[in-house]
Amino acid sequence: MPTISQFITANERVYWGGFFIIFGSTFFSAFLYTAVISKLLPPSDNAIIFAIQNDRYYCFLVPLTLPVLVVAVYFYWLSMKMFKHA
């Protein structure tokens, strides 16, 4: 029985790989601007940029998410060890 990976051509894999890299890079750049760079700039006259500069939610979101990520990765590793040795 053929699997899904046999139906996906190499060109489609390159396309989707590039798409996800560009998508992730765009969102990373937007988050970096929102969380770090906008705080270093002088106050803006634009209402949206001014709201981003005064927002404190995203400045604390990533540092507080990192411990949860470490625990999640540990549990993933532990479950894979149990699965392999079961």
Protein backbone atom coordinates (compact mmCIF):
# COMPACT_ATOMS: atom_id res chain seq x y z
CA MET A 1 0.00 0.00 0.00
CA PRO A 2 1.54 3.35 -1.03
CA THR A 3 2.21 5.95 1.63
CA ILE A 4 1.57 9.68 1.45
CA SER A 5 5.29 10.44 1.05
CA GLN A 6 5.34 8.49 -2.20
CA PHE A 7 2.75 10.85 -3.69
CA ILE A 8 4.68 14.00 -2.82
CA THR A 9 7.30 14.87 -5.41
CA ALA A 10 10.68 16.41 -4.67
CA ASN A 11 9.57 19.75 -6.11
CA GLU A 12 6.60 19.89 -3.77
CA ARG A 13 8.85 19.16 -0.81
CA VAL A 14 11.18 21.99 -1.78
CA TYR A 15 8.20 24.33 -2.26
CA TRP A 16 6.64 23.50 1.12
CA GLY A 17 10.01 23.58 2.85
CA GLY A 18 10.70 27.06 1.49
CA PHE A 19 7.19 28.16 2.37
CA PHE A 20 7.54 27.08 6.00
CA ILE A 21 10.98 28.68 6.32
CA ILE A 22 9.69 32.01 4.95
CA PHE A 23 6.53 31.79 7.08
CA GLY A 24 8.51 31.06 10.25
CA SER A 25 11.08 33.76 9.50
CA THR A 26 8.34 36.33 8.94
CA PHE A 27 6.61 35.54 12.22
CA PHE A 28 9.92 35.46 14.09
CA SER A 29 10.83 38.89 12.72
CA ALA A 30 7.42 40.28 13.66
CA PHE A 31 7.69 38.88 17.17
CA LEU A 32 11.25 40.20 17.56
CA TYR A 33 10.05 43.66 16.55
CA THR A 34 7.07 43.46 18.89
CA ALA A 35 8.92 42.14 21.92
CA VAL A 36 12.32 43.84 21.70
CA ILE A 37 12.94 46.38 18.95
CA SER A 38 9.77 48.46 19.40
CA LYS A 39 10.67 49.06 23.07
CA LEU A 40 14.00 50.61 22.06
CA LEU A 41 12.52 53.08 19.55
CA PRO A 42 11.15 56.53 20.47
CA PRO A 43 7.34 56.81 20.83
CA SER A 44 5.54 56.76 17.52
CA ASP A 45 2.64 58.86 16.23
CA ASN A 46 1.10 55.79 14.56
CA ALA A 47 -1.61 54.34 16.82
CA ILE A 48 -0.81 50.69 16.05
CA ILE A 49 2.94 51.05 16.59
CA PHE A 50 2.29 53.08 19.76
CA ALA A 51 0.05 50.29 21.09
CA ILE A 52 2.75 47.71 20.30
CA GLN A 53 5.36 49.83 22.09
CA ASN A 54 3.22 50.10 25.23
CA ASP A 55 2.25 46.43 25.32
CA ARG A 56 4.02 44.35 27.97
CA TYR A 57 2.37 40.98 27.31
CA TYR A 58 4.78 39.68 24.67
CA CYS A 59 7.86 40.81 26.60
CA PHE A 60 6.98 38.30 29.31
CA LEU A 61 5.39 35.60 27.14
CA VAL A 62 8.54 33.94 25.79
CA PRO A 63 10.62 33.99 28.99
CA LEU A 64 7.72 32.46 30.88
CA THR A 65 7.06 29.91 28.14
CA LEU A 66 10.63 28.54 28.11
CA PRO A 67 10.32 26.52 31.38
CA VAL A 68 7.11 24.95 30.10
CA LEU A 69 8.87 24.09 26.84
CA VAL A 70 11.73 22.41 28.72
CA VAL A 71 9.25 20.27 30.68
CA ALA A 72 7.35 19.36 27.50
CA VAL A 73 10.56 18.32 25.71
CA TYR A 74 11.61 16.24 28.71
CA PHE A 75 8.26 14.42 28.78
CA TYR A 76 8.49 13.85 25.03
CA TRP A 77 11.97 12.36 25.46
CA LEU A 78 10.80 10.22 28.39
CA SER A 79 7.80 8.89 26.47
CA MET A 80 9.98 7.98 23.48
CA LYS A 81 12.41 6.13 25.78
CA MET A 82 9.53 4.20 27.33
CA PHE A 83 8.11 3.41 23.90
CA LYS A 84 11.46 2.15 22.56
CA HIS A 85 12.18 -0.05 25.57
CA ALA A 86 8.67 -1.39 26.13
